[in-house]
C-alpha atoms as a PDB file:
ATOM      1  CA  MET A   1      -0.355   0.092   0.021  1.00  0.00           C
ATOM      2  CA  ASN A   2       1.394   3.320  -1.183  1.00  0.00           C
ATOM      3  CA  LEU A   3       0.651   6.147   2.158  1.00  0.00           C
ATOM      4  CA  ALA A   4       1.060   8.873  -0.619  1.00  0.00           C
ATOM      5  CA  LEU A   5      -2.193   7.724  -2.407  1.00  0.00           C
ATOM      6  CA  ARG A   6      -3.618   9.481   0.705  1.00  0.00           C
ATOM      7  CA  MET A   7      -1.999  11.576   1.613  1.00  0.00           C
ATOM      8  CA  PRO A   8      -3.197  15.719  -0.062  1.00  0.00           C
ATOM      9  CA  THR A   9      -0.541  17.664  -2.151  1.00  0.00           C
ATOM     10  CA  ALA A  10       1.040  20.581   0.207  1.00  0.00           C
ATOM     11  CA  LEU A  11       0.180  23.150  -2.653  1.00  0.00           C
ATOM     12  CA  ALA A  12      -3.278  21.737  -2.702  1.00  0.00           C
ATOM     13  CA  LEU A  13      -4.016  22.282   1.143  1.00  0.00           C
ATOM     14  CA  LEU A  14      -1.650  25.006   1.142  1.00  0.00           C
ATOM     15  CA  ALA A  15      -4.526  26.821  -0.881  1.00  0.00           C
ATOM     16  CA  LEU A  16      -7.605  25.978   1.263  1.00  0.00           C
ATOM     17  CA  ALA A  17      -5.206  27.159   4.084  1.00  0.00           C
ATOM     18  CA  LEU A  18      -4.444  30.978   2.828  1.00  0.00           C
ATOM     19  CA  GLY A  19      -7.272  32.462   4.073  1.00  0.00           C
ATOM     20  CA  LEU A  20      -5.752  32.376   7.373  1.00  0.00           C
ATOM     21  CA  THR A  21      -2.078  32.289   7.576  1.00  0.00           C
ATOM     22  CA  GLY A  22      -2.068  36.010   8.066  1.00  0.00           C
ATOM     23  CA  CYS A  23       0.272  38.484  10.647  1.00  0.00           C
ATOM     24  CA  GLY A  24      -1.708  41.427  10.869  1.00  0.00           C
ATOM     25  CA  THR A  25      -4.885  41.876  12.860  1.00  0.00           C
ATOM     26  CA  ARG A  26      -5.885  38.774  15.341  1.00  0.00           C
ATOM     27  CA  SER A  27      -8.616  37.217  12.695  1.00  0.00           C
ATOM     28  CA  THR A  28      -5.626  36.031  10.978  1.00  0.00           C
ATOM     29  CA  VAL A  29      -3.847  34.523  14.035  1.00  0.00           C
ATOM     30  CA  PRO A  30      -3.030  30.988  13.310  1.00  0.00           C
ATOM     31  CA  GLY A  31      -5.898  29.115  14.724  1.00  0.00           C
ATOM     32  CA  THR A  32      -8.359  31.852  15.849  1.00  0.00           C
ATOM     33  CA  SER A  33     -11.611  30.700  13.251  1.00  0.00           C
ATOM     34  CA  GLY A  34     -14.615  28.885  15.644  1.00  0.00           C
ATOM     35  CA  SER A  35     -12.832  30.404  18.352  1.00  0.00           C
ATOM     36  CA  SER A  36     -15.338  31.763  21.904  1.00  0.00           C
ATOM     37  CA  ASP A  37     -16.283  35.145  21.653  1.00  0.00           C
ATOM     38  CA  GLU A  38     -15.061  35.025  25.362  1.00  0.00           C
ATOM     39  CA  GLN A  39     -13.884  38.357  26.104  1.00  0.00           C
ATOM     40  CA  VAL A  40     -10.406  38.564  27.582  1.00  0.00           C
ATOM     41  CA  VAL A  41      -9.233  41.886  29.258  1.00  0.00           C
ATOM     42  CA  TYR A  42      -5.755  43.372  28.378  1.00  0.00           C
ATOM     43  CA  ASP A  43      -3.863  45.324  30.863  1.00  0.00           C
ATOM     44  CA  THR A  44      -2.143  47.857  29.080  1.00  0.00           C
ATOM     45  CA  SER A  45      -1.192  50.095  32.433  1.00  0.00           C
ATOM     46  CA  GLY A  46       2.469  51.403  32.211  1.00  0.00           C
ATOM     47  CA  ILE A  47       3.340  50.974  28.193  1.00  0.00           C
ATOM     48  CA  ASP A  48       4.399  54.548  27.186  1.00  0.00           C
ATOM     49  CA  PRO A  49       2.517  55.791  23.439  1.00  0.00           C
ATOM     50  CA  LYS A  50       5.193  57.527  22.618  1.00  0.00           C
ATOM     51  CA  LEU A  51       7.751  54.162  22.089  1.00  0.00           C
ATOM     52  CA  THR A  52       9.626  54.314  19.402  1.00  0.00           C
ATOM     53  CA  GLY A  53      11.630  51.137  17.502  1.00  0.00           C
ATOM     54  CA  GLU A  54      11.291  47.715  16.231  1.00  0.00           C
ATOM     55  CA  ILE A  55      11.394  44.592  17.320  1.00  0.00           C
ATOM     56  CA  ARG A  56      12.214  41.072  15.333  1.00  0.00           C
ATOM     57  CA  ILE A  57      10.538  37.806  16.483  1.00  0.00           C
ATOM     58  CA  ASP A  58      10.618  34.418  14.918  1.00  0.00           C
ATOM     59  CA  GLY A  59      10.566  30.747  16.010  1.00  0.00           C
ATOM     60  CA  SER A  60       7.420  28.302  16.549  1.00  0.00           C
ATOM     61  CA  SER A  61       4.344  28.564  14.926  1.00  0.00           C
ATOM     62  CA  THR A  62       2.761  26.924  18.134  1.00  0.00           C
ATOM     63  CA  VAL A  63       4.477  30.161  20.478  1.00  0.00           C
ATOM     64  CA  TYR A  64       3.840  32.304  17.158  1.00  0.00           C
ATOM     65  CA  LYS A  65       0.284  32.545  18.503  1.00  0.00           C
ATOM     66  CA  LEU A  66       0.853  33.969  21.402  1.00  0.00           C
ATOM     67  CA  SER A  67       3.218  36.606  20.508  1.00  0.00           C
ATOM     68  CA  GLN A  68       1.432  37.623  17.789  1.00  0.00           C
ATOM     69  CA  ALA A  69      -1.198  38.166  20.354  1.00  0.00           C
ATOM     70  CA  ALA A  70       0.987  40.414  22.562  1.00  0.00           C
ATOM     71  CA  ALA A  71       2.127  42.551  19.610  1.00  0.00           C
ATOM     72  CA  GLU A  72      -1.223  43.102  18.505  1.00  0.00           C
ATOM     73  CA  GLU A  73      -2.175  44.438  21.932  1.00  0.00           C
ATOM     74  CA  PHE A  74       0.916  46.259  22.689  1.00  0.00           C
ATOM     75  CA  GLY A  75       0.455  47.724  19.522  1.00  0.00           C
ATOM     76  CA  ASN A  76      -2.194  48.955  20.120  1.00  0.00           C
ATOM     77  CA  VAL A  77      -1.220  51.585  22.917  1.00  0.00           C
ATOM     78  CA  ALA A  78       2.539  52.033  21.158  1.00  0.00           C
ATOM     79  CA  GLY A  79       1.825  52.402  17.783  1.00  0.00           C
ATOM     80  CA  ASN A  80       4.888  53.296  16.620  1.00  0.00           C
ATOM     81  CA  VAL A  81       7.052  50.308  17.601  1.00  0.00           C
ATOM     82  CA  ASP A  82       7.732  48.089  14.310  1.00  0.00           C
ATOM     83  CA  ILE A  83       7.095  44.138  15.650  1.00  0.00           C
ATOM     84  CA  ALA A  84       7.346  41.765  13.209  1.00  0.00           C
ATOM     85  CA  VAL A  85       6.153  38.470  14.378  1.00  0.00           C
ATOM     86  CA  LYS A  86       6.840  35.175  12.386  1.00  0.00           C
ATOM     87  CA  TYR A  87       7.179  31.597  12.458  1.00  0.00           C
ATOM     88  CA  ALA A  88      10.027  29.883  10.711  1.00  0.00           C
ATOM     89  CA  GLY A  89       9.398  26.842  13.544  1.00  0.00           C
ATOM     90  CA  THR A  90      11.781  26.898  16.563  1.00  0.00           C
ATOM     91  CA  GLY A  91      14.607  25.584  14.500  1.00  0.00           C
ATOM     92  CA  GLY A  92      14.542  28.193  11.831  1.00  0.00           C
ATOM     93  CA  GLY A  93      14.322  30.418  14.513  1.00  0.00           C
ATOM     94  CA  PHE A  94      17.171  29.787  16.934  1.00  0.00           C
ATOM     95  CA  LYS A  95      19.208  29.501  13.760  1.00  0.00           C
ATOM     96  CA  SER A  96      18.613  33.033  13.532  1.00  0.00           C
ATOM     97  CA  PHE A  97      18.974  33.822  17.079  1.00  0.00           C
ATOM     98  CA  VAL A  98      22.127  32.241  17.498  1.00  0.00           C
ATOM     99  CA  LYS A  99      23.053  34.891  14.913  1.00  0.00           C
ATOM    100  CA  GLY A 100      22.253  37.711  17.237  1.00  0.00           C
ATOM    101  CA  ASP A 101      19.566  38.408  14.543  1.00  0.00           C
ATOM    102  CA  LEU A 102      16.676  38.278  16.460  1.00  0.00           C
ATOM    103  CA  ASP A 103      15.278  40.182  19.736  1.00  0.00           C
ATOM    104  CA  ILE A 104      12.989  37.286  20.478  1.00  0.00           C
ATOM    105  CA  CYS A 105      12.875  33.607  19.540  1.00  0.00           C
ATOM    106  CA  ASP A 106       9.390  31.813  20.267  1.00  0.00           C
ATOM    107  CA  ALA A 107      10.248  27.822  20.883  1.00  0.00           C
ATOM    108  CA  SER A 108       8.069  24.516  21.992  1.00  0.00           C
ATOM    109  CA  ARG A 109      11.342  23.204  23.162  1.00  0.00           C
ATOM    110  CA  PRO A 110      14.267  24.564  25.130  1.00  0.00           C
ATOM    111  CA  ILE A 111      17.125  25.585  23.134  1.00  0.00           C
ATOM    112  CA  GLN A 112      19.079  22.756  22.474  1.00  0.00           C
ATOM    113  CA  GLU A 113      23.209  21.888  22.804  1.00  0.00           C
ATOM    114  CA  ASN A 114      24.527  23.013  19.174  1.00  0.00           C
ATOM    115  CA  GLU A 115      22.196  25.740  19.303  1.00  0.00           C
ATOM    116  CA  LEU A 116      23.306  26.934  23.088  1.00  0.00           C
ATOM    117  CA  ALA A 117      27.496  26.531  21.768  1.00  0.00           C
ATOM    118  CA  THR A 118      26.573  28.701  19.100  1.00  0.00           C
ATOM    119  CA  CYS A 119      25.525  31.148  20.946  1.00  0.00           C
ATOM    120  CA  ARG A 120      28.037  31.187  23.034  1.00  0.00           C
ATOM    121  CA  GLU A 121      30.864  31.354  20.040  1.00  0.00           C
ATOM    122  CA  ASN A 122      28.941  34.385  18.897  1.00  0.00           C
ATOM    123  CA  GLY A 123      28.116  36.581  22.298  1.00  0.00           C
ATOM    124  CA  VAL A 124      24.758  35.615  21.828  1.00  0.00           C
ATOM    125  CA  ALA A 125      23.686  35.817  25.602  1.00  0.00           C
ATOM    126  CA  PHE A 126      19.912  35.329  26.453  1.00  0.00           C
ATOM    127  CA  ILE A 127      16.615  35.219  28.593  1.00  0.00           C
ATOM    128  CA  GLU A 128      15.081  32.105  28.856  1.00  0.00           C
ATOM    129  CA  LEU A 129      11.391  32.745  29.518  1.00  0.00           C
ATOM    130  CA  PRO A 130       8.494  30.335  30.308  1.00  0.00           C
ATOM    131  CA  ILE A 131       5.362  31.733  28.978  1.00  0.00           C
ATOM    132  CA  SER A 132       2.433  28.921  28.995  1.00  0.00           C
ATOM    133  CA  PHE A 133       1.773  25.102  28.765  1.00  0.00           C
ATOM    134  CA  ASP A 134       0.622  23.542  26.103  1.00  0.00           C
ATOM    135  CA  ALA A 135      -1.488  20.050  26.117  1.00  0.00           C
ATOM    136  CA  LEU A 136      -0.120  18.525  22.180  1.00  0.00           C
ATOM    137  CA  THR A 137      -3.256  17.201  20.635  1.00  0.00           C
ATOM    138  CA  VAL A 138      -3.521  13.559  18.780  1.00  0.00           C
ATOM    139  CA  ALA A 139      -6.197  14.411  16.887  1.00  0.00           C
ATOM    140  CA  VAL A 140      -8.434  12.199  14.174  1.00  0.00           C
ATOM    141  CA  ASN A 141     -11.146  13.440  12.190  1.00  0.00           C
ATOM    142  CA  ALA A 142     -14.207  14.010  14.000  1.00  0.00           C
ATOM    143  CA  ASP A 143     -16.186  11.198  11.825  1.00  0.00           C
ATOM    144  CA  ASN A 144     -13.890   8.672  13.174  1.00  0.00           C
ATOM    145  CA  ASP A 145     -15.852   6.348  15.553  1.00  0.00           C
ATOM    146  CA  PHE A 146     -13.362   3.943  16.801  1.00  0.00           C
ATOM    147  CA  CYS A 147     -10.133   5.515  17.771  1.00  0.00           C
ATOM    148  CA  ASN A 148     -11.310   7.654  21.226  1.00  0.00           C
ATOM    149  CA  GLU A 149      -8.016   7.010  23.065  1.00  0.00           C
ATOM    150  CA  MET A 150      -4.369   5.020  22.345  1.00  0.00           C
ATOM    151  CA  THR A 151      -1.410   3.637  24.265  1.00  0.00           C
ATOM    152  CA  VAL A 152       1.946   5.093  24.169  1.00  0.00           C
ATOM    153  CA  ALA A 153       2.980   2.240  22.367  1.00  0.00           C
ATOM    154  CA  GLU A 154       0.360   2.091  20.242  1.00  0.00           C
ATOM    155  CA  LEU A 155       2.092   5.372  18.667  1.00  0.00           C
ATOM    156  CA  LYS A 156       5.132   4.330  19.258  1.00  0.00           C
ATOM    157  CA  LYS A 157       4.097   0.852  16.971  1.00  0.00           C
ATOM    158  CA  LEU A 158       2.655   3.988  13.943  1.00  0.00           C
ATOM    159  CA  TRP A 159       5.248   6.714  14.026  1.00  0.00           C
ATOM    160  CA  GLU A 160       9.032   5.402  14.745  1.00  0.00           C
ATOM    161  CA  PRO A 161      11.137   4.854  11.839  1.00  0.00           C
ATOM    162  CA  ALA A 162      10.948   1.508  11.533  1.00  0.00           C
ATOM    163  CA  ALA A 163       6.831   1.751  10.537  1.00  0.00           C
ATOM    164  CA  LYS A 164       7.733   3.409   7.277  1.00  0.00           C
ATOM    165  CA  GLY A 165       5.836   1.423   4.625  1.00  0.00           C
ATOM    166  CA  LYS A 166       5.083  -1.553   7.017  1.00  0.00           C
ATOM    167  CA  ILE A 167       2.379   0.277   9.334  1.00  0.00           C
ATOM    168  CA  MET A 168      -0.078   1.702   6.878  1.00  0.00           C
ATOM    169  CA  THR A 169      -3.618   0.561   8.320  1.00  0.00           C
ATOM    170  CA  TRP A 170      -5.663   0.958  11.040  1.00  0.00           C
ATOM    171  CA  SER A 171      -6.101  -2.766  11.562  1.00  0.00           C
ATOM    172  CA  GLN A 172      -2.020  -2.841  12.560  1.00  0.00           C
ATOM    173  CA  VAL A 173      -1.939  -0.678  15.006  1.00  0.00           C
ATOM    174  CA  ARG A 174      -4.635  -2.264  17.033  1.00  0.00           C
ATOM    175  CA  ASP A 175      -7.094  -5.532  16.667  1.00  0.00           C
ATOM    176  CA  GLY A 176     -10.547  -4.576  15.908  1.00  0.00           C
ATOM    177  CA  TRP A 177      -9.717  -1.423  14.204  1.00  0.00           C
ATOM    178  CA  PRO A 178     -10.783  -1.230  10.458  1.00  0.00           C
ATOM    179  CA  ASN A 179      -8.193  -2.465   7.329  1.00  0.00           C
ATOM    180  CA  GLU A 180      -8.075   1.514   6.267  1.00  0.00           C
ATOM    181  CA  GLU A 181      -4.840   3.221   5.160  1.00  0.00           C
ATOM    182  CA  ILE A 182      -3.885   5.854   8.085  1.00  0.00           C
ATOM    183  CA  ALA A 183      -2.912   9.154   6.357  1.00  0.00           C
ATOM    184  CA  LEU A 184      -0.440  10.544   8.927  1.00  0.00           C
ATOM    185  CA  TYR A 185       0.181  14.821   9.700  1.00  0.00           C
ATOM    186  CA  GLY A 186       2.143  16.225  11.564  1.00  0.00           C
ATOM    187  CA  ALA A 187       5.032  18.847  11.920  1.00  0.00           C
ATOM    188  CA  ASP A 188       8.173  19.416   9.932  1.00  0.00           C
ATOM    189  CA  THR A 189      11.552  18.333  11.005  1.00  0.00           C
ATOM    190  CA  GLU A 190      12.545  22.294  11.710  1.00  0.00           C
ATOM    191  CA  SER A 191       9.679  22.473  14.159  1.00  0.00           C
ATOM    192  CA  GLY A 192      10.045  21.909  18.008  1.00  0.00           C
ATOM    193  CA  THR A 193       6.541  19.939  17.925  1.00  0.00           C
ATOM    194  CA  PHE A 194       8.344  17.567  15.654  1.00  0.00           C
ATOM    195  CA  GLU A 195      10.853  17.296  18.306  1.00  0.00           C
ATOM    196  CA  TYR A 196       9.242  16.932  21.469  1.00  0.00           C
ATOM    197  CA  PHE A 197       7.077  14.594  19.702  1.00  0.00           C
ATOM    198  CA  THR A 198       9.514  12.191  18.748  1.00  0.00           C
ATOM    199  CA  GLU A 199      11.014  12.632  22.147  1.00  0.00           C
ATOM    200  CA  ALA A 200       7.841  12.230  24.133  1.00  0.00           C
ATOM    201  CA  ILE A 201       6.559   9.247  21.904  1.00  0.00           C
ATOM    202  CA  VAL A 202       9.073   7.135  19.692  1.00  0.00           C
ATOM    203  CA  GLY A 203      11.708   7.583  22.911  1.00  0.00           C
ATOM    204  CA  GLU A 204      14.316   9.275  20.444  1.00  0.00           C
ATOM    205  CA  LYS A 205      14.394  12.917  19.412  1.00  0.00           C
ATOM    206  CA  ASN A 206      14.221  13.548  15.755  1.00  0.00           C
ATOM    207  CA  SER A 207      13.349   9.793  15.364  1.00  0.00           C
ATOM    208  CA  SER A 208      10.054   9.253  12.822  1.00  0.00           C
ATOM    209  CA  ARG A 209       8.759   7.150  10.110  1.00  0.00           C
ATOM    210  CA  SER A 210       9.238   9.947   7.014  1.00  0.00           C
ATOM    211  CA  ASP A 211       5.623   8.817   4.940  1.00  0.00           C
ATOM    212  CA  TYR A 212       3.581  11.384   5.939  1.00  0.00           C
ATOM    213  CA  THR A 213       2.490  14.588   5.266  1.00  0.00           C
ATOM    214  CA  SER A 214       4.601  17.429   7.520  1.00  0.00           C
ATOM    215  CA  ASN A 215       4.338  21.297   7.020  1.00  0.00           C
ATOM    216  CA  SER A 216       5.013  23.742   9.280  1.00  0.00           C
ATOM    217  CA  ASN A 217       2.279  25.459   9.054  1.00  0.00           C
ATOM    218  CA  ASP A 218      -0.812  23.879  11.231  1.00  0.00           C
ATOM    219  CA  ASN A 219      -3.316  24.894   9.472  1.00  0.00           C
ATOM    220  CA  ILE A 220      -2.516  22.816   6.328  1.00  0.00           C
ATOM    221  CA  LEU A 221      -2.281  19.432   9.262  1.00  0.00           C
ATOM    222  CA  ILE A 222      -5.781  20.793  10.231  1.00  0.00           C
ATOM    223  CA  GLN A 223      -6.999  20.863   6.547  1.00  0.00           C
ATOM    224  CA  GLY A 224      -6.030  16.830   6.091  1.00  0.00           C
ATOM    225  CA  ILE A 225      -6.970  15.994   9.223  1.00  0.00           C
ATOM    226  CA  GLN A 226     -10.807  17.192   8.468  1.00  0.00           C
ATOM    227  CA  GLY A 227     -10.999  15.745   4.952  1.00  0.00           C
ATOM    228  CA  ASP A 228     -10.474  12.387   5.762  1.00  0.00           C
ATOM    229  CA  LYS A 229     -12.630  10.190   8.408  1.00  0.00           C
ATOM    230  CA  PHE A 230      -9.312   7.835   8.615  1.00  0.00           C
ATOM    231  CA  ALA A 231      -6.887  10.375   8.683  1.00  0.00           C
ATOM    232  CA  LEU A 232      -4.842  11.316  12.124  1.00  0.00           C
ATOM    233  CA  GLY A 233      -1.898  13.704  12.918  1.00  0.00           C
ATOM    234  CA  TYR A 234      -0.249  16.031  15.809  1.00  0.00           C
ATOM    235  CA  LEU A 235      -0.975  19.675  16.566  1.00  0.00           C
ATOM    236  CA  PRO A 236      -0.884  22.070  19.454  1.00  0.00           C
ATOM    237  CA  TYR A 237      -3.600  22.346  21.566  1.00  0.00           C
ATOM    238  CA  ALA A 238      -4.646  25.974  21.164  1.00  0.00           C
ATOM    239  CA  TYR A 239      -4.683  24.903  17.497  1.00  0.00           C
ATOM    240  CA  TYR A 240      -7.387  22.054  18.170  1.00  0.00           C
ATOM    241  CA  GLU A 241      -9.531  23.472  20.522  1.00  0.00           C
ATOM    242  CA  PRO A 242     -11.567  25.980  18.054  1.00  0.00           C
ATOM    243  CA  ARG A 243     -12.026  22.635  16.142  1.00  0.00           C
ATOM    244  CA  GLN A 244     -14.414  20.005  17.750  1.00  0.00           C
ATOM    245  CA  SER A 245     -16.941  20.226  15.578  1.00  0.00           C
ATOM    246  CA  THR A 246     -14.423  19.143  12.394  1.00  0.00           C
ATOM    247  CA  LEU A 247     -11.628  17.369  14.554  1.00  0.00           C
ATOM    248  CA  LYS A 248     -11.891  14.812  17.936  1.00  0.00           C
ATOM    249  CA  ALA A 249      -8.736  14.606  19.908  1.00  0.00           C
ATOM    250  CA  VAL A 250      -7.286  10.972  20.695  1.00  0.00           C
ATOM    251  CA  LYS A 251      -7.051  10.496  24.447  1.00  0.00           C
ATOM    252  CA  ILE A 252      -4.133   8.973  25.783  1.00  0.00           C
ATOM    253  CA  ILE A 253      -2.967   6.148  27.874  1.00  0.00           C
ATOM    254  CA  ALA A 254       0.304   6.758  29.254  1.00  0.00           C
ATOM    255  CA  GLU A 255       1.116   3.158  30.104  1.00  0.00           C
ATOM    256  CA  GLU A 256      -0.852  -0.266  30.301  1.00  0.00           C
ATOM    257  CA  GLY A 257      -3.414  -0.632  33.109  1.00  0.00           C
ATOM    258  CA  ALA A 258      -3.375   3.703  33.262  1.00  0.00           C
ATOM    259  CA  GLU A 259      -6.354   6.250  32.659  1.00  0.00           C
ATOM    260  CA  ALA A 260      -6.962   7.211  28.856  1.00  0.00           C
ATOM    261  CA  VAL A 261      -6.726  10.831  29.711  1.00  0.00           C
ATOM    262  CA  GLU A 262      -8.080  14.270  27.475  1.00  0.00           C
ATOM    263  CA  PRO A 263      -5.985  16.767  26.375  1.00  0.00           C
ATOM    264  CA  THR A 264      -7.452  19.210  28.277  1.00  0.00           C
ATOM    265  CA  PRO A 265      -6.703  22.590  30.342  1.00  0.00           C
ATOM    266  CA  ALA A 266      -7.129  20.603  34.283  1.00  0.00           C
ATOM    267  CA  ASN A 267      -5.600  17.800  32.960  1.00  0.00           C
ATOM    268  CA  VAL A 268      -2.463  20.292  32.238  1.00  0.00           C
ATOM    269  CA  GLU A 269      -2.847  21.731  35.560  1.00  0.00           C
ATOM    270  CA  ASN A 270      -2.909  18.524  37.711  1.00  0.00           C
ATOM    271  CA  GLY A 271      -0.266  16.871  35.806  1.00  0.00           C
ATOM    272  CA  LYS A 272      -2.335  13.888  34.543  1.00  0.00           C
ATOM    273  CA  TYR A 273      -1.724  14.723  31.029  1.00  0.00           C
ATOM    274  CA  GLN A 274       1.578  13.084  29.893  1.00  0.00           C
ATOM    275  CA  PRO A 275       4.093  12.424  27.989  1.00  0.00           C
ATOM    276  CA  LEU A 276       1.982  15.104  26.046  1.00  0.00           C
ATOM    277  CA  ALA A 277       1.771  18.196  28.108  1.00  0.00           C
ATOM    278  CA  ARG A 278       4.758  20.808  27.423  1.00  0.00           C
ATOM    279  CA  PRO A 279       6.269  23.919  28.385  1.00  0.00           C
ATOM    280  CA  LEU A 280       6.277  26.781  25.846  1.00  0.00           C
ATOM    281  CA  PHE A 281       9.217  29.499  25.426  1.00  0.00           C
ATOM    282  CA  VAL A 282       9.999  32.852  24.803  1.00  0.00           C
ATOM    283  CA  TYR A 283      14.088  33.698  24.649  1.00  0.00           C
ATOM    284  CA  VAL A 284      14.818  37.183  24.858  1.00  0.00           C
ATOM    285  CA  ASN A 285      18.314  38.495  23.154  1.00  0.00           C
ATOM    286  CA  LYS A 286      20.030  40.371  26.623  1.00  0.00           C
ATOM    287  CA  LYS A 287      21.030  43.285  24.349  1.00  0.00           C
ATOM    288  CA  SER A 288      17.860  43.836  22.846  1.00  0.00           C
ATOM    289  CA  ALA A 289      16.690  43.275  26.565  1.00  0.00           C
ATOM    290  CA  GLN A 290      18.137  47.040  27.238  1.00  0.00           C
ATOM    291  CA  ARG A 291      16.191  48.513  24.283  1.00  0.00           C
ATOM    292  CA  PRO A 292      13.049  50.633  25.558  1.00  0.00           C
ATOM    293  CA  GLU A 293      10.825  49.385  23.035  1.00  0.00           C
ATOM    294  CA  VAL A 294      11.816  45.711  23.982  1.00  0.00           C
ATOM    295  CA  LYS A 295      11.886  45.704  27.692  1.00  0.00           C
ATOM    296  CA  ALA A 296       8.188  47.214  28.072  1.00  0.00           C
ATOM    297  CA  PHE A 297       7.138  44.601  25.254  1.00  0.00           C
ATOM    298  CA  VAL A 298       8.488  41.728  27.052  1.00  0.00           C
ATOM    299  CA  GLU A 299       7.273  43.314  30.713  1.00  0.00           C
ATOM    300  CA  PHE A 300       3.702  43.783  28.765  1.00  0.00           C
ATOM    301  CA  TYR A 301       3.645  39.874  27.479  1.00  0.00           C
ATOM    302  CA  LEU A 302       4.385  38.317  30.615  1.00  0.00           C
ATOM    303  CA  LYS A 303       2.043  40.832  32.628  1.00  0.00           C
ATOM    304  CA  ASN A 304      -0.558  39.475  30.713  1.00  0.00           C
ATOM    305  CA  GLY A 305       0.683  36.201  30.162  1.00  0.00           C
ATOM    306  CA  PRO A 306      -2.633  34.486  31.700  1.00  0.00           C
ATOM    307  CA  ALA A 307      -4.953  36.745  29.520  1.00  0.00           C
ATOM    308  CA  ILE A 308      -3.214  35.956  26.211  1.00  0.00           C
ATOM    309  CA  SER A 309      -2.719  32.411  26.681  1.00  0.00           C
ATOM    310  CA  GLN A 310      -7.007  32.155  27.495  1.00  0.00           C
ATOM    311  CA  ASP A 311      -7.346  34.545  24.397  1.00  0.00           C
ATOM    312  CA  VAL A 312      -5.761  31.995  22.141  1.00  0.00           C
ATOM    313  CA  LYS A 313      -6.467  28.773  23.721  1.00  0.00           C
ATOM    314  CA  TYR A 314      -3.455  27.843  25.218  1.00  0.00           C
ATOM    315  CA  ILE A 315      -2.850  26.898  29.280  1.00  0.00           C
ATOM    316  CA  PRO A 316      -2.039  29.308  31.407  1.00  0.00           C
ATOM    317  CA  PHE A 317       0.565  28.979  34.420  1.00  0.00           C
ATOM    318  CA  PRO A 318      -1.010  30.532  38.090  1.00  0.00           C
ATOM    319  CA  PRO A 319      -0.478  33.719  38.507  1.00  0.00           C
ATOM    320  CA  ALA A 320       2.073  33.238  41.196  1.00  0.00           C
ATOM    321  CA  ILE A 321       4.352  31.207  38.185  1.00  0.00           C
ATOM    322  CA  TYR A 322       4.187  34.666  36.057  1.00  0.00           C
ATOM    323  CA  ALA A 323       5.681  36.029  38.898  1.00  0.00           C
ATOM    324  CA  GLN A 324       8.509  34.374  39.108  1.00  0.00           C
ATOM    325  CA  VAL A 325       9.020  34.447  35.492  1.00  0.00           C
ATOM    326  CA  SER A 326       8.443  38.314  35.158  1.00  0.00           C
ATOM    327  CA  GLU A 327      11.599  38.597  38.146  1.00  0.00           C
ATOM    328  CA  ARG A 328      13.821  36.444  36.282  1.00  0.00           C
ATOM    329  CA  PHE A 329      13.455  38.724  33.088  1.00  0.00           C
ATOM    330  CA  GLN A 330      13.847  41.542  36.244  1.00  0.00           C
ATOM    331  CA  LYS A 331      16.962  40.312  36.883  1.00  0.00           C
ATOM    332  CA  GLY A 332      18.513  39.825  33.896  1.00  0.00           C
ATOM    333  CA  THR A 333      18.794  35.827  34.359  1.00  0.00           C
ATOM    334  CA  LEU A 334      21.251  34.204  31.758  1.00  0.00           C
ATOM    335  CA  GLY A 335      20.701  30.808  30.734  1.00  0.00           C
ATOM    336  CA  THR A 336      18.771  27.832  30.066  1.00  0.00           C
ATOM    337  CA  ALA A 337      17.100  25.966  32.823  1.00  0.00           C
ATOM    338  CA  PHE A 338      17.243  22.798  31.061  1.00  0.00           C
ATOM    339  CA  GLY A 339      20.871  21.676  29.520  1.00  0.00           C
ATOM    340  CA  GLY A 340      19.604  21.396  25.811  1.00  0.00           C
ATOM    341  CA  LYS A 341      17.556  18.299  26.816  1.00  0.00           C
ATOM    342  CA  SER A 342      12.999  18.425  26.413  1.00  0.00           C
ATOM    343  CA  PRO A 343      11.097  18.340  29.700  1.00  0.00           C
ATOM    344  CA  VAL A 344       9.078  15.408  28.713  1.00  0.00           C
ATOM    345  CA  GLY A 345       7.593  14.767  31.830  1.00  0.00           C
ATOM    346  CA  MET A 346       7.265  17.341  33.615  1.00  0.00           C
ATOM    347  CA  SER A 347       4.768  19.862  35.381  1.00  0.00           C
ATOM    348  CA  ILE A 348       4.057  23.103  35.410  1.00  0.00           C
ATOM    349  CA  ALA A 349       5.885  23.231  39.364  1.00  0.00           C
ATOM    350  CA  ASP A 350       8.827  21.401  38.134  1.00  0.00           C
ATOM    351  CA  VAL A 351       9.722  23.645  35.469  1.00  0.00           C
ATOM    352  CA  MET A 352       9.788  26.508  37.072  1.00  0.00           C
ATOM    353  CA  GLN A 353      11.824  24.158  39.859  1.00  0.00           C
ATOM    354  CA  LEU A 354      14.714  24.194  37.575  1.00  0.00           C
ATOM    355  CA  GLU A 355      17.359  27.318  37.460  1.00  0.00           C
ATOM    356  CA  PRO A 356      18.869  28.723  34.216  1.00  0.00           C
ATOM    357  CA  LYS A 357      22.484  27.915  33.876  1.00  0.00           C
ATOM    358  CA  SER A 358      24.667  30.368  31.954  1.00  0.00           C
END
């Protein structure tokens, strides 16, 4: 069987997603289509409307939603600050950040050892700021009436490199499931989501089958899953949450005999949703943080962390955690708390117990 026969071309899916990929007003933030109309109040006090300058942000498409929302609200007051928010993927963002070409890098996983080494070579010091939590979601088409939960072992069987060209149908994953080809969708190799998912599910970072539809644009993955009853993919929670009428989240069973856990804010907060709950980050260049416009923007971002997370459908930290993160920024604490490794299985409290080291 040829899995490629089940996979729409990237160009065809891109045409479907063109209306969702802009970087301007809130209505063009990826993933907001169908979100609730609940009013979120931002605290813009303290922003100097006379601020000027520019802020360059790139990196994770997952964190893009947070940074773009922050940029829009900040820009409503400080309209003379030119803020460009892009999403080249976590790996793509770090490629620019480690050379000193960005003020802020959005990241859906911590900075890696090779990126740390390049920062040192180039004299790029940075402040690592956890900003929100994500429940990385395994999703199927809403019309899928048989796949309600999967074990981590089943996901590994489906996604590990050895599955390429071999595990092609649902019946090969679990007895009793239909003998229908699986159309797989997931993040591309530049994505922090790809790195985190492979480490959490396969057990080795960047270790994955390659015969699936990959893209850095989550909207293209969404369109693919929505268009095929037998599709399966993984995507950030904020991209899944507004589309529960067309997508269904697969409950995750961490190990044999454990309960099946749904990706919800409550299950992330109580530590039950594992191993796919993960922290999201912004990395701020130390030199950039000394510029008034960047300093004011990051302070606004952290002060409004709960509102921003709620607005774009991620899982906010408790207020006390944002206070800790803000203190880290004010003190200019340099370095990373993760030593180049991904925080698989960590809770919100675990993340903040680790001290950054330069």
